[in-house]
Amino acid sequence: MEIWINPACSKCRSALSLLDAEGADYTVRRYLEEVPTPDEIRAVLGRLGLEPWDITRTQEAAAKELGLKEWARDATARDRWIEALAAHPKLIQRPIITADDGTAVVARSEETVREALGRS
């Protein structure tokens, strides 16, 4: 399993602590340093079963500068959102855990971290 984190994020640190406590085998991806490509974002969205606007941190300064709240949220705008996430990775909700069974979760709670553990 892989976990996308921002080390400054308390939810990410909590998820890592739980993974360690459970003895999970995982890889850390510091996604602000190793920025995901648009194709990687598409793949994670497919695993999550979500759309890009579902994992976008719309309160970030970059989101406000881009005017994301006014962007369409439909199939015609999907690529625009994905490109924005790739160009501004701080906008990506975190942490994201990709499980061994091909699924993924936005692991902002202990419950979702445990859900990912159950899938791996």
N, C-alpha and C. Protein backbone atom coordinates (compact mmCIF):
# COMPACT_ATOMS: atom_id res chain seq x y z
N MET A 1 0.85 -1.16 0.00
CA MET A 1 0.00 0.00 0.00
C MET A 1 0.90 1.22 0.00
N GLU A 2 0.34 2.30 -0.50
CA GLU A 2 1.06 3.57 -0.55
C GLU A 2 0.19 4.64 0.10
N ILE A 3 0.84 5.57 0.81
CA ILE A 3 0.12 6.67 1.43
C ILE A 3 0.73 7.98 0.95
N TRP A 4 -0.14 8.84 0.40
CA TRP A 4 0.27 10.17 -0.03
C TRP A 4 0.11 11.10 1.17
N ILE A 5 1.21 11.73 1.56
CA ILE A 5 1.15 12.58 2.75
C ILE A 5 1.81 13.94 2.53
N ASN A 6 1.44 14.85 3.40
CA ASN A 6 2.14 16.10 3.63
C ASN A 6 2.59 15.99 5.08
N PRO A 7 3.90 15.94 5.35
CA PRO A 7 4.37 15.74 6.72
C PRO A 7 3.89 16.81 7.70
N ALA A 8 3.51 17.97 7.22
CA ALA A 8 3.02 19.04 8.09
C ALA A 8 1.57 18.82 8.52
N CYS A 9 0.90 17.86 7.94
CA CYS A 9 -0.52 17.61 8.19
C CYS A 9 -0.71 16.66 9.37
N SER A 10 -1.50 17.08 10.34
CA SER A 10 -1.74 16.24 11.53
C SER A 10 -2.50 14.96 11.18
N LYS A 11 -3.43 15.04 10.23
CA LYS A 11 -4.18 13.84 9.81
C LYS A 11 -3.23 12.81 9.18
N CYS A 12 -2.24 13.31 8.42
CA CYS A 12 -1.26 12.41 7.81
C CYS A 12 -0.40 11.74 8.89
N ARG A 13 0.04 12.52 9.85
CA ARG A 13 0.86 11.96 10.93
C ARG A 13 0.07 10.93 11.74
N SER A 14 -1.20 11.21 11.97
CA SER A 14 -2.05 10.26 12.70
C SER A 14 -2.20 8.96 11.91
N ALA A 15 -2.41 9.08 10.61
CA ALA A 15 -2.55 7.89 9.76
C ALA A 15 -1.27 7.06 9.79
N LEU A 16 -0.12 7.72 9.69
CA LEU A 16 1.16 7.00 9.73
C LEU A 16 1.34 6.30 11.07
N SER A 17 0.98 6.97 12.16
CA SER A 17 1.10 6.36 13.49
C SER A 17 0.25 5.10 13.59
N LEU A 18 -0.96 5.15 13.07
CA LEU A 18 -1.84 3.99 13.11
C LEU A 18 -1.30 2.86 12.24
N LEU A 19 -0.83 3.20 11.04
CA LEU A 19 -0.24 2.18 10.17
C LEU A 19 0.95 1.51 10.86
N ASP A 20 1.79 2.32 11.51
CA ASP A 20 2.95 1.76 12.22
C ASP A 20 2.51 0.89 13.38
N ALA A 21 1.52 1.35 14.15
CA ALA A 21 1.03 0.59 15.29
C ALA A 21 0.47 -0.77 14.87
N GLU A 22 -0.11 -0.80 13.67
CA GLU A 22 -0.69 -2.05 13.15
C GLU A 22 0.33 -2.90 12.39
N GLY A 23 1.56 -2.40 12.28
CA GLY A 23 2.60 -3.16 11.59
C GLY A 23 2.39 -3.26 10.09
N ALA A 24 1.72 -2.27 9.52
CA ALA A 24 1.41 -2.29 8.08
C ALA A 24 2.66 -2.11 7.24
N ASP A 25 2.64 -2.75 6.08
CA ASP A 25 3.70 -2.59 5.09
C ASP A 25 3.23 -1.54 4.10
N TYR A 26 3.90 -0.39 4.07
CA TYR A 26 3.47 0.70 3.20
C TYR A 26 4.65 1.52 2.73
N THR A 27 4.40 2.29 1.68
CA THR A 27 5.36 3.23 1.13
C THR A 27 4.80 4.63 1.29
N VAL A 28 5.67 5.55 1.69
CA VAL A 28 5.26 6.94 1.85
C VAL A 28 5.59 7.71 0.58
N ARG A 29 4.62 8.49 0.14
CA ARG A 29 4.85 9.40 -0.98
C ARG A 29 4.56 10.81 -0.48
N ARG A 30 5.57 11.62 -0.42
CA ARG A 30 5.41 13.02 -0.05
C ARG A 30 5.00 13.75 -1.33
N TYR A 31 3.72 13.84 -1.54
CA TYR A 31 3.20 14.27 -2.83
C TYR A 31 3.46 15.73 -3.16
N LEU A 32 3.88 16.53 -2.20
CA LEU A 32 4.27 17.91 -2.52
C LEU A 32 5.66 17.95 -3.13
N GLU A 33 6.47 16.93 -2.82
CA GLU A 33 7.82 16.82 -3.38
C GLU A 33 7.84 15.95 -4.63
N GLU A 34 7.13 14.84 -4.57
CA GLU A 34 7.02 13.91 -5.70
C GLU A 34 5.60 14.07 -6.25
N VAL A 35 5.42 15.14 -7.01
CA VAL A 35 4.10 15.56 -7.46
C VAL A 35 3.49 14.52 -8.42
N PRO A 36 2.26 14.11 -8.15
CA PRO A 36 1.62 13.15 -9.05
C PRO A 36 1.30 13.77 -10.42
N THR A 37 1.44 12.97 -11.43
CA THR A 37 1.11 13.41 -12.79
C THR A 37 -0.41 13.40 -12.96
N PRO A 38 -0.90 14.06 -13.98
CA PRO A 38 -2.34 13.97 -14.24
C PRO A 38 -2.82 12.52 -14.37
N ASP A 39 -2.03 11.67 -15.03
CA ASP A 39 -2.44 10.27 -15.16
C ASP A 39 -2.48 9.55 -13.81
N GLU A 40 -1.54 9.86 -12.93
CA GLU A 40 -1.56 9.25 -11.59
C GLU A 40 -2.78 9.73 -10.81
N ILE A 41 -3.12 10.99 -10.96
CA ILE A 41 -4.31 11.52 -10.29
C ILE A 41 -5.56 10.84 -10.83
N ARG A 42 -5.63 10.66 -12.15
CA ARG A 42 -6.78 9.94 -12.74
C ARG A 42 -6.88 8.53 -12.17
N ALA A 43 -5.73 7.85 -12.07
CA ALA A 43 -5.72 6.48 -11.56
C ALA A 43 -6.20 6.43 -10.11
N VAL A 44 -5.74 7.36 -9.28
CA VAL A 44 -6.17 7.39 -7.89
C VAL A 44 -7.66 7.72 -7.79
N LEU A 45 -8.11 8.65 -8.61
CA LEU A 45 -9.55 8.97 -8.62
C LEU A 45 -10.38 7.74 -8.97
N GLY A 46 -9.90 6.96 -9.95
CA GLY A 46 -10.59 5.73 -10.31
C GLY A 46 -10.63 4.74 -9.15
N ARG A 47 -9.53 4.64 -8.43
CA ARG A 47 -9.47 3.74 -7.27
C ARG A 47 -10.36 4.24 -6.14
N LEU A 48 -10.44 5.56 -5.99
CA LEU A 48 -11.28 6.15 -4.95
C LEU A 48 -12.77 6.10 -5.30
N GLY A 49 -13.04 6.09 -6.62
CA GLY A 49 -14.43 6.19 -7.07
C GLY A 49 -14.96 7.61 -6.90
N LEU A 50 -14.06 8.60 -7.01
CA LEU A 50 -14.42 10.00 -6.81
C LEU A 50 -14.04 10.84 -8.02
N GLU A 51 -14.50 12.06 -8.01
CA GLU A 51 -14.16 13.03 -9.04
C GLU A 51 -13.12 14.00 -8.46
N PRO A 52 -12.38 14.70 -9.32
CA PRO A 52 -11.30 15.56 -8.81
C PRO A 52 -11.79 16.63 -7.82
N TRP A 53 -12.98 17.17 -8.05
CA TRP A 53 -13.48 18.20 -7.13
C TRP A 53 -13.80 17.61 -5.76
N ASP A 54 -13.98 16.28 -5.68
CA ASP A 54 -14.25 15.62 -4.41
C ASP A 54 -13.00 15.56 -3.52
N ILE A 55 -11.81 15.64 -4.12
CA ILE A 55 -10.57 15.55 -3.34
C ILE A 55 -9.79 16.87 -3.38
N THR A 56 -10.46 17.94 -3.71
CA THR A 56 -9.81 19.25 -3.80
C THR A 56 -10.04 20.04 -2.53
N ARG A 57 -8.95 20.59 -2.02
CA ARG A 57 -9.00 21.44 -0.83
C ARG A 57 -9.35 22.86 -1.29
N THR A 58 -10.61 23.17 -1.32
CA THR A 58 -11.07 24.42 -1.92
C THR A 58 -10.84 25.65 -1.04
N GLN A 59 -10.40 25.45 0.19
CA GLN A 59 -10.12 26.60 1.06
C GLN A 59 -8.67 27.08 0.97
N GLU A 60 -7.85 26.35 0.24
CA GLU A 60 -6.45 26.75 0.07
C GLU A 60 -6.36 28.04 -0.74
N ALA A 61 -5.30 28.80 -0.50
CA ALA A 61 -5.09 30.06 -1.21
C ALA A 61 -5.07 29.85 -2.73
N ALA A 62 -4.40 28.79 -3.18
CA ALA A 62 -4.32 28.53 -4.62
C ALA A 62 -5.70 28.27 -5.21
N ALA A 63 -6.56 27.61 -4.47
CA ALA A 63 -7.93 27.35 -4.95
C ALA A 63 -8.68 28.65 -5.12
N LYS A 64 -8.50 29.54 -4.18
CA LYS A 64 -9.18 30.85 -4.26
C LYS A 64 -8.63 31.67 -5.43
N GLU A 65 -7.30 31.62 -5.61
CA GLU A 65 -6.69 32.35 -6.73
C GLU A 65 -7.19 31.83 -8.07
N LEU A 66 -7.37 30.52 -8.17
CA LEU A 66 -7.85 29.91 -9.41
C LEU A 66 -9.36 30.07 -9.60
N GLY A 67 -10.05 30.43 -8.53
CA GLY A 67 -11.51 30.55 -8.61
C GLY A 67 -12.21 29.21 -8.72
N LEU A 68 -11.66 28.18 -8.08
CA LEU A 68 -12.20 26.83 -8.22
C LEU A 68 -13.67 26.69 -7.82
N LYS A 69 -14.10 27.48 -6.88
CA LYS A 69 -15.50 27.36 -6.44
C LYS A 69 -16.48 27.65 -7.58
N GLU A 70 -16.02 28.41 -8.59
CA GLU A 70 -16.90 28.74 -9.71
C GLU A 70 -16.75 27.76 -10.89
N TRP A 71 -15.77 26.87 -10.82
CA TRP A 71 -15.56 25.93 -11.92
C TRP A 71 -16.71 24.92 -11.99
N ALA A 72 -17.04 24.54 -13.21
CA ALA A 72 -18.05 23.49 -13.42
C ALA A 72 -17.57 22.19 -12.79
N ARG A 73 -18.51 21.41 -12.34
CA ARG A 73 -18.21 20.10 -11.74
C ARG A 73 -18.94 19.04 -12.55
N ASP A 74 -18.42 18.84 -13.77
CA ASP A 74 -19.02 17.85 -14.66
C ASP A 74 -17.94 17.26 -15.54
N ALA A 75 -18.33 16.33 -16.38
CA ALA A 75 -17.37 15.60 -17.22
C ALA A 75 -16.56 16.53 -18.12
N THR A 76 -17.16 17.62 -18.58
CA THR A 76 -16.43 18.53 -19.47
C THR A 76 -15.32 19.28 -18.75
N ALA A 77 -15.43 19.43 -17.43
CA ALA A 77 -14.43 20.18 -16.65
C ALA A 77 -13.45 19.25 -15.92
N ARG A 78 -13.66 17.96 -16.00
CA ARG A 78 -12.85 17.00 -15.23
C ARG A 78 -11.36 17.17 -15.48
N ASP A 79 -10.94 17.25 -16.74
CA ASP A 79 -9.51 17.37 -17.04
C ASP A 79 -8.94 18.68 -16.52
N ARG A 80 -9.72 19.73 -16.56
CA ARG A 80 -9.26 21.03 -16.04
C ARG A 80 -8.96 20.91 -14.54
N TRP A 81 -9.81 20.24 -13.81
CA TRP A 81 -9.61 20.03 -12.38
C TRP A 81 -8.36 19.18 -12.13
N ILE A 82 -8.21 18.12 -12.90
CA ILE A 82 -7.05 17.23 -12.74
C ILE A 82 -5.76 17.99 -13.02
N GLU A 83 -5.74 18.78 -14.05
CA GLU A 83 -4.55 19.59 -14.37
C GLU A 83 -4.25 20.57 -13.23
N ALA A 84 -5.28 21.15 -12.64
CA ALA A 84 -5.08 22.08 -11.52
C ALA A 84 -4.47 21.34 -10.32
N LEU A 85 -4.93 20.14 -10.05
CA LEU A 85 -4.37 19.35 -8.94
C LEU A 85 -2.91 19.00 -9.19
N ALA A 86 -2.58 18.67 -10.42
CA ALA A 86 -1.19 18.34 -10.76
C ALA A 86 -0.29 19.58 -10.67
N ALA A 87 -0.82 20.71 -11.09
CA ALA A 87 -0.04 21.96 -11.05
C ALA A 87 0.07 22.53 -9.64
N HIS A 88 -0.91 22.23 -8.80
CA HIS A 88 -0.96 22.75 -7.42
C HIS A 88 -1.26 21.60 -6.47
N PRO A 89 -0.29 20.71 -6.23
CA PRO A 89 -0.57 19.51 -5.43
C PRO A 89 -1.05 19.80 -4.00
N LYS A 90 -0.79 20.98 -3.49
CA LYS A 90 -1.28 21.31 -2.15
C LYS A 90 -2.81 21.27 -2.09
N LEU A 91 -3.44 21.33 -3.27
CA LEU A 91 -4.90 21.28 -3.33
C LEU A 91 -5.47 19.88 -3.13
N ILE A 92 -4.61 18.86 -3.20
CA ILE A 92 -5.07 17.47 -3.08
C ILE A 92 -5.35 17.14 -1.61
N GLN A 93 -6.55 16.63 -1.35
CA GLN A 93 -6.92 16.20 -0.01
C GLN A 93 -5.96 15.11 0.44
N ARG A 94 -5.70 15.04 1.72
CA ARG A 94 -4.72 14.10 2.24
C ARG A 94 -5.17 13.60 3.60
N PRO A 95 -4.60 12.47 4.01
CA PRO A 95 -3.79 11.53 3.25
C PRO A 95 -4.66 10.62 2.38
N ILE A 96 -4.05 10.13 1.33
CA ILE A 96 -4.71 9.15 0.47
C ILE A 96 -3.93 7.86 0.56
N ILE A 97 -4.64 6.78 0.87
CA ILE A 97 -4.01 5.46 0.94
C ILE A 97 -4.54 4.61 -0.21
N THR A 98 -3.61 4.07 -1.00
CA THR A 98 -3.97 3.12 -2.05
C THR A 98 -3.76 1.72 -1.47
N ALA A 99 -4.82 0.96 -1.45
CA ALA A 99 -4.78 -0.38 -0.85
C ALA A 99 -4.34 -1.43 -1.87
N ASP A 100 -3.92 -2.55 -1.34
CA ASP A 100 -3.41 -3.62 -2.20
C ASP A 100 -4.49 -4.24 -3.08
N ASP A 101 -5.75 -4.06 -2.72
CA ASP A 101 -6.82 -4.67 -3.52
C ASP A 101 -7.24 -3.79 -4.71
N GLY A 102 -6.51 -2.69 -4.94
CA GLY A 102 -6.81 -1.83 -6.09
C GLY A 102 -7.71 -0.66 -5.75
N THR A 103 -8.18 -0.58 -4.51
CA THR A 103 -9.01 0.55 -4.10
C THR A 103 -8.15 1.60 -3.41
N ALA A 104 -8.77 2.68 -2.99
CA ALA A 104 -8.08 3.73 -2.25
C ALA A 104 -9.09 4.41 -1.34
N VAL A 105 -8.56 5.12 -0.33
CA VAL A 105 -9.40 5.89 0.58
C VAL A 105 -8.71 7.22 0.89
N VAL A 106 -9.53 8.23 1.13
CA VAL A 106 -9.02 9.47 1.72
C VAL A 106 -9.08 9.20 3.22
N ALA A 107 -7.91 9.04 3.83
CA ALA A 107 -7.81 8.50 5.19
C ALA A 107 -7.73 9.59 6.25
N ARG A 108 -8.79 10.37 6.37
CA ARG A 108 -8.79 11.48 7.32
C ARG A 108 -9.29 11.07 8.70
N SER A 109 -9.66 9.82 8.87
CA SER A 109 -10.11 9.34 10.17
C SER A 109 -9.48 7.97 10.45
N GLU A 110 -9.48 7.61 11.72
CA GLU A 110 -8.96 6.29 12.08
C GLU A 110 -9.77 5.20 11.38
N GLU A 111 -11.06 5.41 11.26
CA GLU A 111 -11.94 4.43 10.61
C GLU A 111 -11.52 4.17 9.17
N THR A 112 -11.21 5.23 8.40
CA THR A 112 -10.83 5.02 7.00
C THR A 112 -9.43 4.42 6.87
N VAL A 113 -8.54 4.73 7.81
CA VAL A 113 -7.22 4.08 7.80
C VAL A 113 -7.41 2.59 8.03
N ARG A 114 -8.25 2.24 8.99
CA ARG A 114 -8.51 0.82 9.28
C ARG A 114 -9.19 0.14 8.09
N GLU A 115 -10.04 0.88 7.39
CA GLU A 115 -10.69 0.34 6.20
C GLU A 115 -9.62 -0.04 5.17
N ALA A 116 -8.64 0.84 4.96
CA ALA A 116 -7.56 0.55 4.01
C ALA A 116 -6.74 -0.65 4.48
N LEU A 117 -6.50 -0.73 5.77
CA LEU A 117 -5.75 -1.88 6.32
C LEU A 117 -6.50 -3.18 6.04
N GLY A 118 -7.80 -3.15 6.15
CA GLY A 118 -8.60 -4.34 5.91
C GLY A 118 -8.60 -4.79 4.46
N ARG A 119 -8.24 -3.89 3.57
CA ARG A 119 -8.23 -4.21 2.13
C ARG A 119 -6.86 -4.67 1.67
N SER A 120 -5.88 -4.55 2.52
CA SER A 120 -4.50 -4.90 2.12
C SER A 120 -4.05 -6.20 2.72
